[in-house]
Amino acid sequence: MSRYFFDTNPYILLKDFVNDSGYVDIAALLQETNSSKVEVMSKLLEPDEGNDEAPSPLKFRGYMTVYPKVQCICYTIDVAEPTFCEIILSLANNSDVPRDRFLNDLFLIVYNMHDELIGITRHVLSDGHYSTGMMTVNSGDKVMIFGMGTTMDRKKSTTERVVLIEENSKLSKRFRATLMNIFDSFDIDQDGVLNKNEMNFYTLACGDSELTDDDWDIYMDTFDNRDGGLTMSGFIKVHEMEALDPEGNAAADLWHSLYCLGYDTQLSAIFGCSYDIVARISRPMRIEPRLQYVVKEHRAFILESLYRLGEPDERFEMRPRLFRTDYFGLLIAKREERFANETYRMILTKREHIKINFPHQVDQLIRLADSDSDWVLIASYTVTDPDAQLEYNLEKVVERSASSATSPLA
């Protein structure tokens, strides 16, 4: 990194900003410093000497569900040498996802093979894009998506299901539209076809088994395809063939798949969404996608990592820490032995422009013993407006003694 810095950023000398009165002109110095930062960031993403063109931003897509299983498309980075990179996360356009359902609810982390956190989406860009800022990535580094959980409030859904298969065994217009959205969500490289890996991500996410080589050969021989992958027309045709099941199980099987993908009975994706990722890179980079179930080890890793980065709140005996970014925050505690069996209640004394989640708790009670690791997520929140404010108290329920401290979350 130093080679880039000293080659592109000239030394800034204070004597150059001394005014006639002998004082440093702070405004001029800050303006020059900010301009210099912009130049450095731009230079970091320029090609190395000898290359004619800068690498184009790498663009790829993923899908995640937060219920009934927490699963997502994750990625492994493949680069020839350490590479400067900025990763930007945003929600993909999907008409099945209710408006604002997952807004500000996802964040992205980058970590290495030693489980050391390298980057996290902290910054809000325009139009709901979230950036890690500049970082250095190496081959083998992992990219993973997490959610704050504010989408987990149960949405009332009628038991009446929309029609998937019409009486003539044709797919309904509404279901065809959903299949088009699903196709787009699993087209990771956005090339307009689903290759074998992408189709496997879809089948596994639906709770089915992975396609064999013979299965894939049949797909390629039977359904519309190009460049070794199923087209959208071919993908829909696969489901049309499934609808012709003579045993009459097609609708039940399709509803099971949709349920696994986070859809409700009205084909609304209330627990599933697709996301777009853009990597601005200084050197060529490849990514290897995979479908990942988010298990307790992943949760413990991210809670521990963000706890260590958080701001300690010394006002409460449990000493939780608040990790916050421009658009979300996590209040995390370490389950020390002396507090392991305690129960606390979080009391909100002020909340404005905040969407908050108390994971797996009733009446805002935090039972430390219920945690499956040494790290306890007390609450998570997302910001719905830059002027958001949230203040809280933590009360120990057993002793019935409330802390009088109040701490701002935003």
Protein backbone atom coordinates (compact mmCIF):
# COMPACT_ATOMS: atom_id res chain seq x y z
CA MET A 1 0.00 0.00 0.00
CA SER A 2 2.83 2.42 0.78
CA ARG A 3 4.05 2.27 -2.82
CA TYR A 4 0.73 3.60 -4.02
CA PHE A 5 0.60 6.26 -1.33
CA PHE A 6 4.00 7.82 -1.85
CA ASP A 7 3.79 7.58 -5.65
CA THR A 8 0.46 9.35 -5.85
CA ASN A 9 0.16 11.63 -2.85
CA PRO A 10 2.73 14.44 -2.56
CA TYR A 11 3.83 15.53 0.90
CA ILE A 12 1.64 18.21 2.43
CA LEU A 13 3.79 20.82 4.16
CA LEU A 14 2.27 23.02 6.85
CA LYS A 15 4.49 25.96 5.81
CA ASP A 16 2.62 26.07 2.50
CA PHE A 17 -0.57 26.96 4.40
CA VAL A 18 0.75 29.67 6.71
CA ASN A 19 -1.10 32.94 6.11
CA ASP A 20 0.22 36.48 6.34
CA SER A 21 -0.46 36.54 10.07
CA GLY A 22 1.81 33.56 10.65
CA TYR A 23 -1.01 31.10 11.41
CA VAL A 24 -1.93 27.87 9.58
CA ASP A 25 -5.00 28.32 7.37
CA ILE A 26 -6.94 25.29 8.64
CA ALA A 27 -9.71 25.58 6.01
CA ALA A 28 -7.22 25.53 3.14
CA LEU A 29 -5.30 22.65 4.74
CA LEU A 30 -8.47 20.54 5.15
CA GLN A 31 -9.55 21.26 1.59
CA GLU A 32 -6.17 20.14 0.26
CA THR A 33 -6.16 17.08 2.52
CA ASN A 34 -9.62 15.98 1.35
CA SER A 35 -8.64 16.50 -2.28
CA SER A 36 -5.54 14.42 -1.66
CA LYS A 37 -7.63 11.59 -0.17
CA VAL A 38 -9.82 11.52 -3.27
CA GLU A 39 -6.75 11.36 -5.49
CA VAL A 40 -5.29 8.50 -3.43
CA MET A 41 -8.53 6.49 -3.55
CA SER A 42 -8.79 6.99 -7.31
CA LYS A 43 -5.15 6.05 -7.80
CA LEU A 44 -5.54 2.89 -5.74
CA LEU A 45 -8.04 1.59 -8.27
CA GLU A 46 -5.97 2.42 -11.31
CA PRO A 47 -4.17 -0.43 -13.10
CA ASP A 48 -0.58 -1.32 -12.34
CA GLU A 49 2.07 0.07 -14.65
CA GLY A 50 2.17 -1.92 -17.86
CA ASN A 51 -1.58 -2.56 -17.95
CA ASP A 52 -3.55 -0.71 -20.60
CA GLU A 53 -6.92 -0.72 -18.84
CA ALA A 54 -8.21 -0.78 -15.29
CA PRO A 55 -10.16 -3.94 -14.41
CA SER A 56 -13.90 -3.44 -14.75
CA PRO A 57 -15.89 -3.63 -11.51
CA LEU A 58 -16.84 -7.20 -10.70
CA LYS A 59 -20.62 -7.62 -10.40
CA PHE A 60 -22.45 -10.62 -8.98
CA ARG A 61 -25.71 -11.52 -7.27
CA GLY A 62 -26.87 -13.67 -4.39
CA TYR A 63 -29.97 -14.83 -2.53
CA MET A 64 -30.64 -15.31 1.16
CA THR A 65 -33.44 -16.54 3.38
CA VAL A 66 -33.90 -15.71 7.05
CA TYR A 67 -36.66 -18.28 7.65
CA PRO A 68 -37.29 -21.22 7.86
CA LYS A 69 -33.51 -21.60 7.44
CA VAL A 70 -30.90 -18.89 7.49
CA GLN A 71 -28.95 -19.45 4.29
CA CYS A 72 -27.24 -17.28 1.73
CA ILE A 73 -24.96 -17.28 -1.28
CA CYS A 74 -21.42 -16.54 -0.07
CA TYR A 75 -18.17 -16.15 -1.99
CA THR A 76 -14.47 -17.00 -1.87
CA ILE A 77 -12.05 -14.49 -3.38
CA ASP A 78 -9.44 -15.64 -5.90
CA VAL A 79 -6.65 -13.16 -6.68
CA ALA A 80 -3.04 -13.61 -7.79
CA GLU A 81 -1.68 -11.21 -5.16
CA PRO A 82 -2.94 -8.78 -2.49
CA THR A 83 -5.49 -6.49 -4.13
CA PHE A 84 -7.04 -3.17 -3.16
CA CYS A 85 -10.79 -3.50 -3.24
CA GLU A 86 -14.06 -1.81 -2.26
CA ILE A 87 -17.17 -3.97 -2.01
CA ILE A 88 -20.62 -2.43 -2.33
CA LEU A 89 -23.82 -4.24 -1.28
CA SER A 90 -27.38 -3.38 -2.32
CA LEU A 91 -30.76 -5.05 -2.55
CA ALA A 92 -31.54 -6.42 -6.01
CA ASN A 93 -34.73 -5.51 -7.78
CA ASN A 94 -37.27 -8.23 -6.99
CA SER A 95 -40.98 -7.47 -7.28
CA ASP A 96 -41.86 -10.38 -4.97
CA VAL A 97 -40.14 -8.72 -1.99
CA PRO A 98 -42.48 -6.30 -0.17
CA ARG A 99 -41.43 -2.68 -0.40
CA ASP A 100 -38.85 -1.73 2.26
CA ARG A 101 -38.97 -5.27 3.71
CA PHE A 102 -35.19 -5.75 3.81
CA LEU A 103 -34.16 -2.12 3.55
CA ASN A 104 -31.07 -1.43 5.70
CA ASP A 105 -31.36 -4.95 7.11
CA LEU A 106 -28.36 -6.67 5.46
CA PHE A 107 -24.66 -6.23 5.94
CA LEU A 108 -21.64 -7.83 4.33
CA ILE A 109 -18.41 -8.96 5.95
CA VAL A 110 -15.04 -10.01 4.53
CA TYR A 111 -12.83 -12.29 6.60
CA ASN A 112 -9.72 -14.39 6.06
CA MET A 113 -8.86 -18.04 6.65
CA HIS A 114 -7.80 -17.19 10.21
CA ASP A 115 -11.31 -15.86 10.95
CA GLU A 116 -10.02 -12.31 11.15
CA LEU A 117 -12.43 -9.60 10.05
CA ILE A 118 -11.09 -7.60 7.10
CA GLY A 119 -14.02 -5.45 6.08
CA ILE A 120 -17.68 -4.73 6.78
CA THR A 121 -20.26 -2.55 5.07
CA ARG A 122 -20.27 0.50 7.36
CA HIS A 123 -21.01 3.36 4.99
CA VAL A 124 -24.23 4.35 3.26
CA LEU A 125 -23.90 5.50 -0.31
CA SER A 126 -26.75 6.85 -2.42
CA ASP A 127 -29.88 4.82 -3.17
CA GLY A 128 -29.46 2.13 -0.53
CA HIS A 129 -25.93 1.04 -1.38
CA TYR A 130 -23.61 0.06 1.46
CA SER A 131 -19.81 0.16 1.17
CA THR A 132 -16.92 -1.48 3.00
CA GLY A 133 -14.60 1.33 1.98
CA MET A 134 -11.12 0.48 0.72
CA MET A 135 -9.40 -2.68 2.00
CA THR A 136 -6.83 -5.23 0.91
CA VAL A 137 -8.03 -8.73 0.05
CA ASN A 138 -6.07 -11.92 -0.54
CA SER A 139 -6.82 -15.20 -2.22
CA GLY A 140 -8.97 -17.38 0.02
CA ASP A 141 -10.73 -14.50 1.78
CA LYS A 142 -14.45 -15.06 2.31
CA VAL A 143 -17.43 -12.78 1.69
CA MET A 144 -20.59 -13.49 3.68
CA ILE A 145 -23.98 -11.82 4.12
CA PHE A 146 -25.75 -11.37 7.47
CA GLY A 147 -29.05 -9.82 8.53
CA MET A 148 -29.89 -7.77 11.61
CA GLY A 149 -33.13 -9.70 12.08
CA THR A 150 -35.50 -6.76 11.89
CA THR A 151 -37.36 -8.61 9.11
CA MET A 152 -38.26 -11.47 11.43
CA ASP A 153 -41.52 -10.00 12.72
CA ARG A 154 -44.17 -12.46 11.64
CA LYS A 155 -46.39 -11.11 8.91
CA LYS A 156 -49.99 -12.26 9.06
CA SER A 157 -50.69 -14.37 6.01
CA THR A 158 -53.94 -15.94 4.90
CA THR A 159 -54.00 -19.71 4.64
CA GLU A 160 -55.59 -19.33 1.22
CA ARG A 161 -52.95 -19.93 -1.41
CA VAL A 162 -52.71 -18.27 -4.79
CA VAL A 163 -52.97 -20.61 -7.75
CA LEU A 164 -49.70 -22.07 -9.00
CA ILE A 165 -51.08 -24.60 -11.49
CA GLU A 166 -54.27 -23.93 -13.38
CA GLU A 167 -56.86 -26.57 -14.26
CA ASN A 168 -55.26 -27.13 -17.67
CA SER A 169 -51.95 -28.00 -15.91
CA LYS A 170 -50.44 -24.71 -17.06
CA LEU A 171 -48.52 -22.48 -14.70
CA SER A 172 -50.45 -19.42 -13.57
CA LYS A 173 -49.32 -16.01 -14.74
CA ARG A 174 -48.51 -14.99 -11.17
CA PHE A 175 -46.36 -18.04 -10.55
CA ARG A 176 -44.52 -17.57 -13.84
CA ALA A 177 -43.62 -14.05 -12.72
CA THR A 178 -42.27 -15.46 -9.45
CA LEU A 179 -40.18 -18.01 -11.35
CA MET A 180 -38.70 -15.17 -13.38
CA ASN A 181 -37.71 -13.39 -10.17
CA ILE A 182 -36.21 -16.58 -8.75
CA PHE A 183 -34.25 -17.14 -11.96
CA ASP A 184 -32.77 -13.64 -11.71
CA SER A 185 -31.95 -14.16 -8.02
CA PHE A 186 -29.85 -17.26 -8.67
CA ASP A 187 -28.14 -15.98 -11.81
CA ILE A 188 -25.01 -15.20 -9.79
CA ASP A 189 -22.82 -13.97 -12.64
CA GLN A 190 -25.74 -12.16 -14.33
CA ASP A 191 -25.07 -13.72 -17.75
CA GLY A 192 -28.72 -14.54 -18.45
CA VAL A 193 -28.47 -18.32 -17.89
CA LEU A 194 -28.28 -20.65 -14.91
CA ASN A 195 -25.19 -22.86 -15.10
CA LYS A 196 -25.02 -26.15 -13.23
CA ASN A 197 -23.64 -24.57 -10.04
CA GLU A 198 -26.30 -21.86 -10.01
CA MET A 199 -29.05 -24.41 -10.62
CA ASN A 200 -27.67 -26.47 -7.74
CA PHE A 201 -27.79 -23.43 -5.46
CA TYR A 202 -31.47 -23.11 -6.33
CA THR A 203 -32.33 -26.79 -5.80
CA LEU A 204 -30.41 -26.96 -2.51
CA ALA A 205 -32.00 -23.75 -1.23
CA CYS A 206 -35.38 -25.33 -2.02
CA GLY A 207 -34.55 -28.31 0.18
CA ASP A 208 -33.90 -30.68 -2.72
CA SER A 209 -30.80 -32.72 -3.51
CA GLU A 210 -27.95 -31.60 -5.74
CA LEU A 211 -28.20 -32.35 -9.45
CA THR A 212 -26.06 -35.19 -10.73
CA ASP A 213 -24.11 -34.99 -13.97
CA ASP A 214 -26.76 -37.21 -15.59
CA ASP A 215 -29.53 -34.90 -14.35
CA TRP A 216 -27.76 -31.92 -15.86
CA ASP A 217 -27.21 -33.71 -19.19
CA ILE A 218 -30.95 -34.36 -19.36
CA TYR A 219 -31.65 -30.69 -18.68
CA MET A 220 -29.29 -29.67 -21.45
CA ASP A 221 -30.85 -32.16 -23.89
CA THR A 222 -34.45 -31.34 -23.01
CA PHE A 223 -34.79 -27.64 -22.16
CA ASP A 224 -33.79 -24.40 -23.84
CA ASN A 225 -30.19 -23.54 -23.06
CA ARG A 226 -27.14 -21.66 -24.29
CA ASP A 227 -23.50 -21.42 -23.28
CA GLY A 228 -23.91 -24.45 -21.04
CA GLY A 229 -26.76 -23.05 -18.94
CA LEU A 230 -30.56 -22.98 -18.75
CA THR A 231 -32.23 -19.91 -20.19
CA MET A 232 -35.16 -18.34 -18.36
CA SER A 233 -37.46 -20.03 -20.86
CA GLY A 234 -35.82 -23.38 -20.12
CA PHE A 235 -36.04 -22.78 -16.35
CA ILE A 236 -39.78 -22.09 -16.58
CA LYS A 237 -40.23 -25.13 -18.84
CA VAL A 238 -38.65 -27.33 -16.15
CA HIS A 239 -41.43 -26.26 -13.79
CA GLU A 240 -44.07 -26.69 -16.46
CA MET A 241 -42.96 -30.29 -16.83
CA GLU A 242 -43.10 -30.70 -13.05
CA ALA A 243 -46.69 -29.45 -13.09
CA LEU A 244 -47.66 -32.43 -15.27
CA ASP A 245 -46.95 -34.87 -12.41
CA PRO A 246 -49.53 -37.65 -12.92
CA GLU A 247 -49.56 -38.42 -9.19
CA GLY A 248 -50.80 -34.92 -8.42
CA ASN A 249 -48.00 -33.95 -6.03
CA ALA A 250 -46.69 -31.06 -8.11
CA ALA A 251 -48.43 -28.24 -6.22
CA ALA A 252 -47.36 -29.56 -2.82
CA ASP A 253 -43.75 -29.95 -3.97
CA LEU A 254 -43.70 -26.46 -5.46
CA TRP A 255 -45.14 -24.91 -2.30
CA HIS A 256 -42.48 -26.67 -0.22
CA SER A 257 -39.77 -25.16 -2.44
CA LEU A 258 -41.33 -21.70 -2.22
CA TYR A 259 -41.61 -21.97 1.56
CA CYS A 260 -37.89 -22.83 1.78
CA LEU A 261 -37.15 -19.72 -0.30
CA GLY A 262 -39.02 -17.49 2.16
CA TYR A 263 -42.30 -17.11 0.25
CA ASP A 264 -45.73 -16.92 1.88
CA THR A 265 -49.06 -18.20 0.54
CA GLN A 266 -49.53 -15.07 -1.58
CA LEU A 267 -46.13 -15.46 -3.29
CA SER A 268 -44.69 -12.60 -1.31
CA ALA A 269 -41.02 -13.09 -0.38
CA ILE A 270 -41.31 -11.96 3.23
CA PHE A 271 -38.32 -14.02 4.43
CA GLY A 272 -36.14 -14.09 1.35
CA CYS A 273 -34.40 -11.51 -0.81
CA SER A 274 -31.74 -11.18 -3.50
CA TYR A 275 -28.81 -8.78 -3.34
CA ASP A 276 -26.27 -7.29 -5.72
CA ILE A 277 -22.57 -6.94 -5.00
CA VAL A 278 -20.11 -4.75 -6.86
CA ALA A 279 -16.37 -5.08 -6.24
CA ARG A 280 -14.22 -2.16 -7.37
CA ILE A 281 -10.80 -3.69 -7.79
CA SER A 282 -7.23 -2.61 -8.57
CA ARG A 283 -6.32 -5.98 -10.11
CA PRO A 284 -8.30 -8.79 -11.76
CA MET A 285 -10.27 -10.88 -9.28
CA ARG A 286 -12.51 -13.93 -9.44
CA ILE A 287 -15.10 -15.11 -6.96
CA GLU A 288 -16.28 -18.64 -6.26
CA PRO A 289 -19.89 -18.67 -5.01
CA ARG A 290 -21.34 -21.25 -2.64
CA LEU A 291 -24.61 -21.80 -0.78
CA GLN A 292 -23.96 -21.43 2.94
CA TYR A 293 -26.16 -22.26 5.89
CA VAL A 294 -25.61 -19.71 8.64
CA VAL A 295 -25.02 -21.73 11.81
CA LYS A 296 -24.25 -20.85 15.41
CA GLU A 297 -20.50 -20.84 14.75
CA HIS A 298 -20.95 -18.10 12.16
CA ARG A 299 -23.14 -16.08 14.53
CA ALA A 300 -20.64 -16.45 17.36
CA PHE A 301 -17.80 -15.35 15.08
CA ILE A 302 -19.53 -12.20 13.91
CA LEU A 303 -20.78 -11.29 17.40
CA GLU A 304 -17.33 -11.70 18.91
CA SER A 305 -15.69 -9.73 16.09
CA LEU A 306 -18.16 -6.84 16.31
CA TYR A 307 -18.12 -6.90 20.12
CA ARG A 308 -14.38 -6.24 20.03
CA LEU A 309 -14.95 -3.35 17.63
CA GLY A 310 -17.85 -1.91 19.62
CA GLU A 311 -18.05 0.97 22.06
CA PRO A 312 -18.12 -0.28 25.69
CA ASP A 313 -21.06 0.81 27.81
CA GLU A 314 -19.67 0.95 31.34
CA ARG A 315 -22.96 2.13 32.82
CA PHE A 316 -24.30 -1.41 33.18
CA GLU A 317 -22.71 -4.25 35.13
CA MET A 318 -23.00 -6.57 32.13
CA ARG A 319 -20.86 -4.03 30.18
CA PRO A 320 -22.39 -4.57 26.73
CA ARG A 321 -20.77 -3.03 23.68
CA LEU A 322 -22.46 -1.22 20.85
CA PHE A 323 -21.16 -1.72 17.35
CA ARG A 324 -22.73 0.79 15.00
CA THR A 325 -22.42 1.92 11.42
CA ASP A 326 -24.14 4.54 9.32
CA TYR A 327 -27.22 2.35 8.94
CA PHE A 328 -27.35 -0.36 11.61
CA GLY A 329 -26.16 -1.29 15.07
CA LEU A 330 -25.75 -4.36 17.28
CA LEU A 331 -25.75 -4.31 21.09
CA ILE A 332 -23.67 -7.30 22.20
CA ALA A 333 -22.65 -8.70 25.58
CA LYS A 334 -20.16 -11.33 26.63
CA ARG A 335 -21.72 -14.05 28.75
CA GLU A 336 -19.35 -14.01 31.71
CA GLU A 337 -19.72 -16.75 34.29
CA ARG A 338 -20.96 -14.39 37.01
CA PHE A 339 -23.78 -13.19 34.74
CA ALA A 340 -24.47 -16.48 32.94
CA ASN A 341 -27.77 -17.13 34.72
CA GLU A 342 -29.02 -13.56 34.89
CA THR A 343 -32.06 -12.19 33.12
CA TYR A 344 -32.35 -8.57 31.98
CA ARG A 345 -35.06 -6.47 30.45
CA MET A 346 -34.28 -3.81 27.88
CA ILE A 347 -36.47 -0.76 28.35
CA LEU A 348 -36.67 1.71 25.49
CA THR A 349 -36.89 5.25 26.82
CA LYS A 350 -36.62 6.98 23.46
CA ARG A 351 -36.96 5.69 19.91
CA GLU A 352 -37.12 7.75 16.72
CA HIS A 353 -36.54 6.54 13.15
CA ILE A 354 -35.30 3.18 14.42
CA LYS A 355 -36.42 -0.35 13.62
CA ILE A 356 -35.29 -2.61 16.46
CA ASN A 357 -35.20 -6.36 16.95
CA PHE A 358 -34.95 -8.41 20.13
CA PRO A 359 -33.89 -11.83 18.85
CA HIS A 360 -35.63 -14.90 20.30
CA GLN A 361 -36.98 -12.99 23.29
CA VAL A 362 -40.36 -12.32 24.83
CA ASP A 363 -41.27 -8.97 26.37
CA GLN A 364 -37.77 -7.69 25.64
CA LEU A 365 -36.23 -10.12 28.15
CA ILE A 366 -32.60 -11.12 27.68
CA ARG A 367 -31.81 -14.49 29.22
CA LEU A 368 -28.08 -14.96 28.95
CA ALA A 369 -28.39 -18.69 29.60
CA ASP A 370 -30.37 -19.06 26.37
CA SER A 371 -27.40 -18.05 24.23
CA ASP A 372 -25.73 -20.91 22.35
CA SER A 373 -22.32 -19.21 22.58
CA ASP A 374 -20.33 -16.88 24.83
CA TRP A 375 -21.66 -13.89 22.90
CA VAL A 376 -25.18 -12.54 23.38
CA LEU A 377 -26.99 -10.34 20.90
CA ILE A 378 -29.15 -8.16 23.13
CA ALA A 379 -30.70 -6.19 20.29
CA SER A 380 -30.11 -5.17 16.71
CA TYR A 381 -31.49 -2.14 14.95
CA THR A 382 -31.63 -0.47 11.57
CA VAL A 383 -31.81 3.24 10.88
CA THR A 384 -34.70 4.56 8.82
CA ASP A 385 -33.64 8.21 8.93
CA PRO A 386 -30.31 9.99 9.54
CA ASP A 387 -31.85 11.74 12.56
CA ALA A 388 -32.51 8.41 14.30
CA GLN A 389 -32.30 8.31 18.09
CA LEU A 390 -32.65 5.48 20.56
CA GLU A 391 -32.07 5.44 24.31
CA TYR A 392 -32.44 2.44 26.59
CA ASN A 393 -32.13 1.10 30.12
CA LEU A 394 -31.09 -2.41 31.13
CA GLU A 395 -32.90 -3.77 34.17
CA LYS A 396 -31.89 -6.94 36.00
CA VAL A 397 -35.15 -8.83 36.43
CA VAL A 398 -34.07 -11.19 39.22
CA GLU A 399 -32.96 -8.49 41.63
CA ARG A 400 -35.64 -6.04 40.52
CA SER A 401 -33.05 -3.24 40.51
CA ALA A 402 -32.91 -0.99 37.52
CA SER A 403 -29.86 0.78 36.31
CA SER A 404 -30.45 4.46 36.05
CA ALA A 405 -28.05 4.87 33.16
CA THR A 406 -29.27 5.85 29.76
CA SER A 407 -27.18 5.29 26.66
CA PRO A 408 -27.81 6.55 23.13
CA LEU A 409 -27.78 3.99 20.32
CA ALA A 410 -27.72 6.52 17.55
